[in-house]
């Protein structure tokens, strides 16, 4: 994945979504679809902080890897 920072895209108007599995204390990764079709990613604890932008293909590869268990060793 080769995400880049979002600096030129307006933050307002984006509809952020987090996993239903996220805890209510705000330690969540949030994602929003940009008008370009790319996906913006941010930390919910810092909504004005850095936003990384990925292509749909990059996000699809990451989610597929997560579903396949590629990152499970990092959670133990």
Protein backbone atom coordinates (compact mmCIF):
# COMPACT_ATOMS: atom_id res chain seq x y z
CA UNK A 1 0.00 0.00 0.00
CA UNK A 2 1.34 3.37 -0.97
CA UNK A 3 -0.99 5.82 0.79
CA UNK A 4 -0.42 9.52 0.58
CA UNK A 5 -1.45 12.35 2.90
CA UNK A 6 -4.59 14.24 2.10
CA UNK A 7 -3.82 17.93 1.89
CA UNK A 8 -5.70 19.26 -1.11
CA UNK A 9 -9.05 17.57 -0.49
CA UNK A 10 -11.60 19.24 1.74
CA UNK A 11 -12.22 17.40 4.99
CA UNK A 12 -15.71 18.78 5.45
CA UNK A 13 -18.56 16.85 3.95
CA UNK A 14 -16.84 13.47 4.17
CA UNK A 15 -18.93 10.69 5.69
CA UNK A 16 -16.65 8.78 8.05
CA UNK A 17 -17.37 5.17 8.95
CA UNK A 18 -15.83 2.84 11.49
CA UNK A 19 -16.20 -0.86 12.12
CA UNK A 20 -19.12 -2.10 14.19
CA UNK A 21 -16.43 -3.96 16.14
CA UNK A 22 -14.82 -0.70 17.27
CA UNK A 23 -14.95 0.10 20.96
CA UNK A 24 -16.90 3.15 22.17
CA UNK A 25 -13.82 4.85 23.69
CA UNK A 26 -12.78 6.29 20.34
CA UNK A 27 -9.75 4.13 19.53
CA UNK A 28 -10.88 3.50 15.97
CA UNK A 29 -9.75 3.62 12.39
CA UNK A 30 -12.28 5.52 10.28
CA UNK A 31 -12.67 5.47 6.52
CA UNK A 32 -14.45 7.75 4.06
CA UNK A 33 -14.96 7.55 0.31
CA UNK A 34 -13.63 10.59 -1.56
CA UNK A 35 -15.29 12.06 -4.66
CA UNK A 36 -12.36 10.65 -6.67
CA UNK A 37 -13.27 7.11 -5.55
CA UNK A 38 -10.18 6.84 -3.36
CA UNK A 39 -10.50 5.95 0.32
CA UNK A 40 -9.43 8.29 3.13
CA UNK A 41 -8.29 6.76 6.44
CA UNK A 42 -7.85 8.52 9.79
CA UNK A 43 -7.60 7.90 13.53
CA UNK A 44 -10.87 8.75 15.30
CA UNK A 45 -8.97 10.08 18.34
CA UNK A 46 -7.49 12.83 16.14
CA UNK A 47 -10.12 13.82 13.55
CA UNK A 48 -8.14 16.93 12.56
CA UNK A 49 -4.89 14.95 12.28
CA UNK A 50 -3.28 13.18 9.37
CA UNK A 51 -5.45 11.51 6.75
CA UNK A 52 -3.99 8.85 4.49
CA UNK A 53 -5.50 8.25 1.06
CA UNK A 54 -5.49 4.88 -0.70
CA UNK A 55 -6.89 3.59 -3.97
CA UNK A 56 -9.83 1.21 -3.84
CA UNK A 57 -7.51 -1.55 -5.06
CA UNK A 58 -5.08 -0.94 -2.18
CA UNK A 59 -7.88 -1.06 0.38
CA UNK A 60 -9.32 -4.18 -1.25
CA UNK A 61 -5.92 -5.90 -1.01
CA UNK A 62 -5.56 -4.92 2.65
CA UNK A 63 -9.06 -6.03 3.64
CA UNK A 64 -8.61 -9.29 1.74
CA UNK A 65 -5.35 -9.94 3.56
CA UNK A 66 -6.99 -9.19 6.90
CA UNK A 67 -9.82 -11.61 6.11
CA UNK A 68 -7.25 -14.24 5.14
CA UNK A 69 -5.47 -13.83 8.49
CA UNK A 70 -2.31 -12.24 7.08
CA UNK A 71 -2.02 -9.88 10.06
CA UNK A 72 -3.24 -12.16 12.85
CA UNK A 73 0.30 -12.58 14.22
CA UNK A 74 0.31 -8.86 15.09
CA UNK A 75 -2.68 -9.25 17.40
CA UNK A 76 -1.24 -11.86 19.73
